[in-house]
Amino acid sequence: MDLATILGIISGLGLVFYTIARGGNLDIFIHIPSMMIVFGGTLAALLVNFPMGEVISVMKVVRKAFSSEKGKGIEVVKKFVELSKKARREGLLSLDRELKKIDDDFMRNGLEMVVDGMEPETIRNVMETELTYLIERHKKGQQIFNSCGAYAPAFGMIGTLIGLIAMLKRLEDPSAIGEGMAVALITTFYGALAANLIFLPIAGKLKNRSDDEVILKEMIIEGVLSIQYGEHPRTLYKKLLNFLPPKSRLEEFVE
């Protein structure tokens, strides 16, 4: 669980509503029709722009914004070092018994091709093709949330215009102008808050998660090919550490 995402959203909402409550006007910031215009309109625009299946499946993608895989990179390095030692002692076919113990499908599929005796260039092409399509799938999730970040303020403005039009029809009653203006502007508030505290930040977090996963997958490709080439475990270890940030690296190679 990534506490940063959760704390960011909760603290942002908390600060906003604390400021509102301090003014004693919390009730006027709760307006159901305005919520329907902003969030209902945003959803409707998404369905126009994207296939329904992609909109529905985005919930699977958004989990990445609330999950953390800290430390996974160094665990992958350790696993490759272990497999490299075994392959050098007992041969590549000995890895077949280890495949079921590997949870990462990408890594397991690559090693299966090694055990099957496929050419290194073929293995690289297959794994890089899978990585390319993984990146494209991740971009879809980012695009959906970026679109939400654009649509929400736009529908907030549409709601404001609707409120202003309705208010202008009641200009003969000056006492209703203030209340009407407040209701008209509340949709802009909802749209701006949702876009800048939820939709756009989640899109940014998904991009960061995708970048991290791409680096991890590239490291796995190099690890698989290094085992295929029969490189020394120490050489493999040093090569794979280059994919990790310095603070995540081990102090020394363990024989």
Protein backbone atom coordinates (compact mmCIF):
# COMPACT_ATOMS: atom_id res chain seq x y z
CA MET A 1 0.00 0.00 0.00
CA ASP A 2 1.35 3.41 -1.01
CA LEU A 3 0.61 5.70 1.93
CA ALA A 4 1.79 8.79 0.05
CA THR A 5 -1.14 8.66 -2.40
CA ILE A 6 -3.71 8.08 0.34
CA LEU A 7 -2.26 10.71 2.67
CA GLY A 8 -2.05 13.22 -0.17
CA ILE A 9 -5.73 12.87 -1.11
CA ILE A 10 -6.96 12.78 2.49
CA SER A 11 -4.86 15.74 3.61
CA GLY A 12 -5.85 17.77 0.54
CA LEU A 13 -9.56 17.15 1.10
CA GLY A 14 -9.11 17.73 4.81
CA LEU A 15 -7.47 21.13 4.34
CA VAL A 16 -10.15 22.25 1.90
CA PHE A 17 -13.09 21.20 4.06
CA TYR A 18 -11.44 22.46 7.23
CA THR A 19 -11.18 25.91 5.64
CA ILE A 20 -14.81 25.70 4.52
CA ALA A 21 -15.99 24.57 7.96
CA ARG A 22 -14.06 27.39 9.64
CA GLY A 23 -16.26 29.80 7.71
CA GLY A 24 -19.38 28.07 8.91
CA ASN A 25 -20.67 27.54 5.37
CA LEU A 26 -20.23 23.80 4.91
CA ASP A 27 -23.88 23.27 3.93
CA ILE A 28 -23.71 25.50 0.85
CA PHE A 29 -20.76 23.48 -0.51
CA ILE A 30 -22.89 20.33 -0.67
CA HIS A 31 -25.00 20.54 -3.81
CA ILE A 32 -26.11 17.25 -5.39
CA PRO A 33 -27.17 18.64 -8.82
CA SER A 34 -23.73 20.24 -9.22
CA MET A 35 -22.04 16.94 -8.36
CA MET A 36 -24.17 15.20 -10.95
CA ILE A 37 -23.19 17.72 -13.62
CA VAL A 38 -19.44 17.45 -12.91
CA PHE A 39 -19.01 13.74 -12.22
CA GLY A 40 -21.86 12.51 -14.38
CA GLY A 41 -20.76 14.72 -17.25
CA THR A 42 -17.15 13.59 -16.89
CA LEU A 43 -18.20 9.94 -17.02
CA ALA A 44 -20.40 10.60 -20.05
CA ALA A 45 -17.53 12.30 -21.89
CA LEU A 46 -15.24 9.37 -21.07
CA LEU A 47 -17.73 6.95 -22.60
CA VAL A 48 -17.80 9.07 -25.75
CA ASN A 49 -14.00 9.23 -25.97
CA PHE A 50 -13.05 5.68 -24.90
CA PRO A 51 -14.56 2.21 -25.41
CA MET A 52 -16.68 1.10 -22.45
CA GLY A 53 -14.37 -1.83 -21.76
CA GLU A 54 -11.39 0.49 -21.26
CA VAL A 55 -13.35 2.77 -18.93
CA ILE A 56 -14.46 -0.20 -16.82
CA SER A 57 -11.02 -1.82 -16.76
CA VAL A 58 -9.35 1.40 -15.61
CA MET A 59 -10.19 0.45 -12.02
CA LYS A 60 -7.67 -2.39 -12.31
CA VAL A 61 -5.06 0.12 -13.43
CA VAL A 62 -5.81 2.66 -10.70
CA ARG A 63 -4.82 0.11 -8.04
CA LYS A 64 -1.22 0.72 -9.09
CA ALA A 65 -1.51 4.30 -7.81
CA PHE A 66 -2.33 2.95 -4.33
CA SER A 67 0.15 0.06 -4.29
CA SER A 68 3.87 0.04 -3.65
CA GLU A 69 6.47 -2.46 -4.85
CA LYS A 70 9.39 -1.00 -2.96
CA GLY A 71 12.31 -3.39 -2.77
CA LYS A 72 11.14 -5.64 -5.59
CA GLY A 73 14.07 -4.65 -7.83
CA ILE A 74 16.77 -5.92 -5.48
CA GLU A 75 14.80 -9.13 -4.90
CA VAL A 76 14.80 -9.72 -8.66
CA VAL A 77 18.57 -9.18 -8.74
CA LYS A 78 19.06 -11.72 -5.94
CA LYS A 79 16.88 -14.24 -7.76
CA PHE A 80 18.84 -13.88 -10.98
CA VAL A 81 22.13 -14.32 -9.14
CA GLU A 82 20.77 -17.49 -7.54
CA LEU A 83 19.55 -18.83 -10.91
CA SER A 84 22.83 -17.90 -12.58
CA LYS A 85 24.81 -19.92 -10.04
CA LYS A 86 22.54 -22.91 -10.51
CA ALA A 87 22.71 -22.69 -14.32
CA ARG A 88 26.53 -22.58 -14.27
CA ARG A 89 26.74 -25.57 -11.91
CA GLU A 90 24.04 -27.81 -13.38
CA GLY A 91 23.28 -26.40 -16.82
CA LEU A 92 20.38 -24.37 -18.24
CA LEU A 93 17.96 -27.31 -18.16
CA SER A 94 18.22 -27.38 -14.36
CA LEU A 95 16.28 -24.08 -14.29
CA ASP A 96 13.15 -25.93 -15.37
CA ARG A 97 12.59 -27.04 -11.77
CA GLU A 98 12.83 -23.44 -10.54
CA LEU A 99 10.25 -21.95 -12.89
CA LYS A 100 7.24 -22.80 -10.74
CA LYS A 101 8.78 -20.87 -7.85
CA ILE A 102 8.88 -17.61 -9.87
CA ASP A 103 5.83 -15.40 -9.33
CA ASP A 104 6.65 -12.82 -12.02
CA ASP A 105 5.05 -14.03 -15.28
CA PHE A 106 7.37 -11.91 -17.43
CA MET A 107 10.48 -13.34 -15.81
CA ARG A 108 9.16 -16.90 -15.84
CA ASN A 109 8.21 -16.72 -19.54
CA GLY A 110 11.67 -15.44 -20.43
CA LEU A 111 13.41 -18.22 -18.52
CA GLU A 112 11.11 -20.80 -20.11
CA MET A 113 12.39 -19.69 -23.51
CA VAL A 114 15.96 -20.05 -22.24
CA VAL A 115 15.26 -23.59 -21.03
CA ASP A 116 13.60 -24.39 -24.36
CA GLY A 117 16.85 -23.41 -26.12
CA MET A 118 15.53 -20.47 -28.13
CA GLU A 119 18.01 -18.06 -29.71
CA PRO A 120 18.94 -15.00 -27.60
CA GLU A 121 17.79 -12.60 -30.32
CA THR A 122 14.41 -14.32 -30.49
CA ILE A 123 14.05 -14.15 -26.72
CA ARG A 124 14.87 -10.44 -26.72
CA ASN A 125 12.38 -9.74 -29.53
CA VAL A 126 9.57 -11.62 -27.81
CA MET A 127 10.14 -9.98 -24.44
CA GLU A 128 10.59 -6.48 -25.86
CA THR A 129 7.38 -6.87 -27.88
CA GLU A 130 5.51 -7.82 -24.71
CA LEU A 131 7.06 -4.82 -22.97
CA THR A 132 5.96 -2.50 -25.78
CA TYR A 133 2.34 -3.58 -25.46
CA LEU A 134 2.56 -3.30 -21.68
CA ILE A 135 3.58 0.35 -22.07
CA GLU A 136 0.65 0.96 -24.43
CA ARG A 137 -1.81 -0.56 -21.94
CA HIS A 138 -0.45 1.63 -19.18
CA LYS A 139 -0.79 4.72 -21.37
CA LYS A 140 -4.51 4.02 -21.73
CA GLY A 141 -5.02 4.31 -17.99
CA GLN A 142 -2.99 7.51 -17.88
CA GLN A 143 -4.97 8.95 -20.79
CA ILE A 144 -8.28 8.23 -19.09
CA PHE A 145 -7.30 10.06 -15.91
CA ASN A 146 -5.74 12.93 -17.85
CA SER A 147 -9.02 13.19 -19.75
CA CYS A 148 -10.94 13.24 -16.46
CA GLY A 149 -8.67 16.08 -15.36
CA ALA A 150 -9.63 18.03 -18.47
CA TYR A 151 -13.35 17.19 -18.51
CA ALA A 152 -14.13 17.86 -14.83
CA PRO A 153 -13.27 21.60 -14.88
CA ALA A 154 -15.03 21.95 -18.24
CA PHE A 155 -18.25 20.47 -16.87
CA GLY A 156 -17.78 22.62 -13.79
CA MET A 157 -17.85 25.66 -16.06
CA ILE A 158 -20.91 24.29 -17.89
CA GLY A 159 -22.68 23.94 -14.54
CA THR A 160 -21.71 27.49 -13.66
CA LEU A 161 -23.15 28.78 -16.95
CA ILE A 162 -26.37 26.86 -16.30
CA GLY A 163 -26.60 28.44 -12.85
CA LEU A 164 -25.89 31.92 -14.18
CA ILE A 165 -28.56 31.61 -16.85
CA ALA A 166 -31.08 30.50 -14.24
CA MET A 167 -30.00 33.36 -11.97
CA LEU A 168 -30.38 35.97 -14.69
CA LYS A 169 -34.04 35.03 -15.04
CA ARG A 170 -34.54 36.09 -11.42
CA LEU A 171 -32.89 39.49 -11.49
CA GLU A 172 -36.14 41.09 -10.34
CA ASP A 173 -35.43 39.53 -6.91
CA PRO A 174 -32.12 41.04 -5.68
CA SER A 175 -32.15 38.87 -2.55
CA ALA A 176 -31.80 35.73 -4.67
CA ILE A 177 -28.74 36.91 -6.61
CA GLY A 178 -26.20 36.06 -3.90
CA GLU A 179 -27.54 32.56 -3.31
CA GLY A 180 -27.87 31.94 -7.03
CA MET A 181 -24.28 33.02 -7.68
CA ALA A 182 -23.02 30.69 -4.94
CA VAL A 183 -24.88 27.73 -6.44
CA ALA A 184 -23.65 28.67 -9.92
CA LEU A 185 -19.99 28.68 -8.84
CA ILE A 186 -20.10 25.47 -6.80
CA THR A 187 -19.81 23.31 -9.94
CA THR A 188 -16.59 25.07 -10.90
CA PHE A 189 -15.31 24.33 -7.39
CA TYR A 190 -16.14 20.63 -7.72
CA GLY A 191 -14.53 20.39 -11.14
CA ALA A 192 -11.32 22.16 -10.13
CA LEU A 193 -10.98 20.18 -6.89
CA ALA A 194 -11.56 16.80 -8.54
CA ALA A 195 -9.17 17.54 -11.41
CA ASN A 196 -6.28 18.93 -9.38
CA LEU A 197 -6.47 16.74 -6.28
CA ILE A 198 -7.60 13.40 -7.72
CA PHE A 199 -7.61 12.91 -11.49
CA LEU A 200 -4.39 14.63 -12.60
CA PRO A 201 -2.29 13.49 -9.61
CA ILE A 202 -3.42 9.88 -10.12
CA ALA A 203 -2.51 10.14 -13.81
CA GLY A 204 0.95 11.36 -12.78
CA LYS A 205 1.35 8.58 -10.22
CA LEU A 206 0.36 5.97 -12.83
CA LYS A 207 3.02 7.35 -15.18
CA ASN A 208 5.65 7.08 -12.45
CA ARG A 209 4.56 3.54 -11.65
CA SER A 210 4.68 2.63 -15.33
CA ASP A 211 8.19 4.07 -15.71
CA ASP A 212 9.37 2.04 -12.71
CA GLU A 213 7.81 -1.14 -14.08
CA VAL A 214 9.38 -0.61 -17.51
CA ILE A 215 12.83 -0.29 -15.89
CA LEU A 216 12.18 -3.49 -13.92
CA LYS A 217 11.10 -5.34 -17.08
CA GLU A 218 14.19 -4.13 -18.96
CA MET A 219 16.32 -5.41 -16.09
CA ILE A 220 14.58 -8.78 -16.31
CA ILE A 221 15.30 -8.97 -20.05
CA GLU A 222 18.99 -8.36 -19.39
CA GLY A 223 19.00 -10.91 -16.58
CA VAL A 224 17.38 -13.59 -18.73
CA LEU A 225 19.84 -13.02 -21.58
CA SER A 226 22.80 -12.96 -19.19
CA ILE A 227 21.82 -16.39 -17.94
CA GLN A 228 21.41 -17.53 -21.55
CA TYR A 229 24.95 -16.35 -22.33
CA GLY A 230 26.32 -18.06 -19.21
CA GLU A 231 27.74 -14.89 -17.64
CA HIS A 232 29.43 -15.11 -14.25
CA PRO A 233 27.01 -14.35 -11.35
CA ARG A 234 29.19 -11.43 -10.21
CA THR A 235 29.10 -9.89 -13.70
CA LEU A 236 25.34 -10.37 -13.89
CA TYR A 237 24.95 -8.83 -10.44
CA LYS A 238 26.90 -5.70 -11.33
CA LYS A 239 25.07 -5.34 -14.64
CA LEU A 240 21.60 -5.55 -13.07
CA LEU A 241 22.44 -3.15 -10.25
CA ASN A 242 22.80 -0.40 -12.86
CA PHE A 243 19.01 -0.50 -13.29
CA LEU A 244 18.41 0.33 -9.61
CA PRO A 245 18.79 3.66 -7.79
CA PRO A 246 21.94 3.76 -5.60
CA LYS A 247 20.00 3.68 -2.32
CA SER A 248 18.35 0.39 -3.34
CA ARG A 249 21.60 -1.45 -4.07
CA LEU A 250 23.29 -3.98 -1.81
CA GLU A 251 26.60 -3.08 -0.28
CA GLU A 252 28.47 -6.03 -1.71
CA PHE A 253 28.07 -9.18 -3.74
CA VAL A 254 27.25 -12.25 -1.67
CA GLU A 255 28.88 -15.44 -2.91
